[in-house]
């Protein structure tokens, strides 16, 4: 009985070892920037991170924006909105692939 249990544990460890790297990289290989929008333009967004650093992130036509907030908001974030940006880095420049944001505007009660 003990031998069967050891075999089952070994099989479980083997399966976990084989599948864990795929799960860990399923979300992508890029970096993430979390913070508050301090400025936004047509080709760049500035984010103040939790550690009080301002990061400049380039945006391109392929950049996707997703409003996750409940308040009224448009298709792109505004100054003061909280963001989570999936970025890629090339030659020291960050480029946004996906920008998820929550509008900081207070929702009006009906």
Protein backbone atom coordinates (compact mmCIF):
# COMPACT_ATOMS: atom_id res chain seq x y z
CA UNK A 1 0.00 0.00 0.00
CA UNK A 2 2.82 2.41 0.85
CA UNK A 3 4.53 1.60 -2.44
CA UNK A 4 1.34 2.47 -4.37
CA UNK A 5 1.06 5.79 -2.56
CA UNK A 6 4.69 6.64 -3.36
CA UNK A 7 4.05 5.84 -7.03
CA UNK A 8 0.98 8.11 -7.03
CA UNK A 9 2.92 10.97 -5.44
CA UNK A 10 5.72 10.56 -7.98
CA UNK A 11 3.20 10.64 -10.84
CA UNK A 12 1.55 13.75 -9.40
CA UNK A 13 4.91 15.52 -9.06
CA UNK A 14 5.83 14.53 -12.63
CA UNK A 15 2.54 15.88 -14.01
CA UNK A 16 2.86 19.13 -12.06
CA UNK A 17 6.44 19.60 -13.24
CA UNK A 18 5.38 19.04 -16.85
CA UNK A 19 2.38 21.42 -16.79
CA UNK A 20 3.46 24.26 -14.48
CA UNK A 21 5.80 26.06 -16.95
CA UNK A 22 2.99 26.24 -19.52
CA UNK A 23 0.58 27.68 -16.99
CA UNK A 24 3.12 30.22 -15.76
CA UNK A 25 3.80 31.58 -19.25
CA UNK A 26 0.21 31.42 -20.50
CA UNK A 27 -0.38 35.09 -19.69
CA UNK A 28 2.52 36.30 -21.80
CA UNK A 29 6.15 37.16 -21.43
CA UNK A 30 5.79 40.94 -21.15
CA UNK A 31 6.09 43.13 -18.09
CA UNK A 32 3.26 44.82 -16.26
CA UNK A 33 3.06 48.40 -15.07
CA UNK A 34 0.50 49.28 -12.38
CA UNK A 35 -0.34 52.79 -11.26
CA UNK A 36 -2.21 56.01 -11.95
CA UNK A 37 -2.28 57.93 -15.21
CA UNK A 38 -0.54 61.30 -14.85
CA UNK A 39 -0.61 62.30 -18.53
CA UNK A 40 -1.85 60.82 -21.78
CA UNK A 41 -1.28 61.75 -25.41
CA UNK A 42 -1.86 60.23 -28.81
CA UNK A 43 1.34 58.17 -28.72
CA UNK A 44 2.29 57.96 -25.05
CA UNK A 45 0.87 57.41 -21.60
CA UNK A 46 2.61 58.40 -18.34
CA UNK A 47 1.93 56.25 -15.29
CA UNK A 48 2.92 56.98 -11.70
CA UNK A 49 3.67 53.63 -10.11
CA UNK A 50 3.16 52.51 -6.55
CA UNK A 51 6.80 53.26 -5.74
CA UNK A 52 6.29 56.89 -6.87
CA UNK A 53 8.17 56.58 -10.18
CA UNK A 54 6.76 57.96 -13.41
CA UNK A 55 6.98 55.57 -16.36
CA UNK A 56 6.52 56.64 -20.00
CA UNK A 57 4.84 54.00 -22.15
CA UNK A 58 4.45 54.31 -25.91
CA UNK A 59 1.13 53.41 -27.46
CA UNK A 60 0.60 52.10 -30.98
CA UNK A 61 -2.40 51.42 -33.21
CA UNK A 62 -2.47 47.82 -31.94
CA UNK A 63 -2.71 48.86 -28.27
CA UNK A 64 -5.96 47.57 -26.77
CA UNK A 65 -7.85 49.52 -24.11
CA UNK A 66 -10.29 47.91 -21.69
CA UNK A 67 -12.38 49.90 -19.24
CA UNK A 68 -12.82 47.70 -16.18
CA UNK A 69 -14.44 50.37 -14.03
CA UNK A 70 -18.08 50.81 -13.26
CA UNK A 71 -18.08 54.55 -13.65
CA UNK A 72 -18.72 56.38 -16.86
CA UNK A 73 -15.67 56.23 -19.03
CA UNK A 74 -14.60 56.19 -22.62
CA UNK A 75 -12.41 53.93 -24.65
CA UNK A 76 -9.15 55.32 -23.29
CA UNK A 77 -8.10 56.19 -19.75
CA UNK A 78 -7.99 59.73 -18.41
CA UNK A 79 -5.62 61.43 -15.99
CA UNK A 80 -6.27 60.01 -12.53
CA UNK A 81 -7.49 56.60 -13.72
CA UNK A 82 -5.89 53.47 -12.27
CA UNK A 83 -4.22 51.28 -14.92
CA UNK A 84 -2.63 47.88 -15.37
CA UNK A 85 -0.57 47.95 -18.56
CA UNK A 86 0.92 44.91 -20.28
CA UNK A 87 4.10 46.20 -21.90
CA UNK A 88 6.91 44.92 -24.07
CA UNK A 89 10.40 46.35 -23.85
CA UNK A 90 12.66 46.91 -26.82
CA UNK A 91 15.81 49.04 -26.84
CA UNK A 92 14.90 50.44 -23.43
CA UNK A 93 11.48 51.69 -24.58
CA UNK A 94 8.20 50.36 -23.21
CA UNK A 95 5.29 49.79 -25.59
CA UNK A 96 1.76 49.09 -24.40
CA UNK A 97 0.06 45.98 -25.72
CA UNK A 98 -2.97 46.03 -23.43
CA UNK A 99 -4.20 48.80 -21.10
CA UNK A 100 -6.81 47.86 -18.50
CA UNK A 101 -8.16 50.77 -16.53
CA UNK A 102 -10.79 51.83 -14.04
CA UNK A 103 -12.31 55.24 -14.36
CA UNK A 104 -11.69 57.51 -11.40
CA UNK A 105 -14.87 59.46 -12.15
CA UNK A 106 -17.48 59.01 -9.45
CA UNK A 107 -20.57 57.22 -10.64
CA UNK A 108 -23.70 59.35 -10.43
CA UNK A 109 -26.62 57.85 -8.56
CA UNK A 110 -29.86 57.58 -10.52
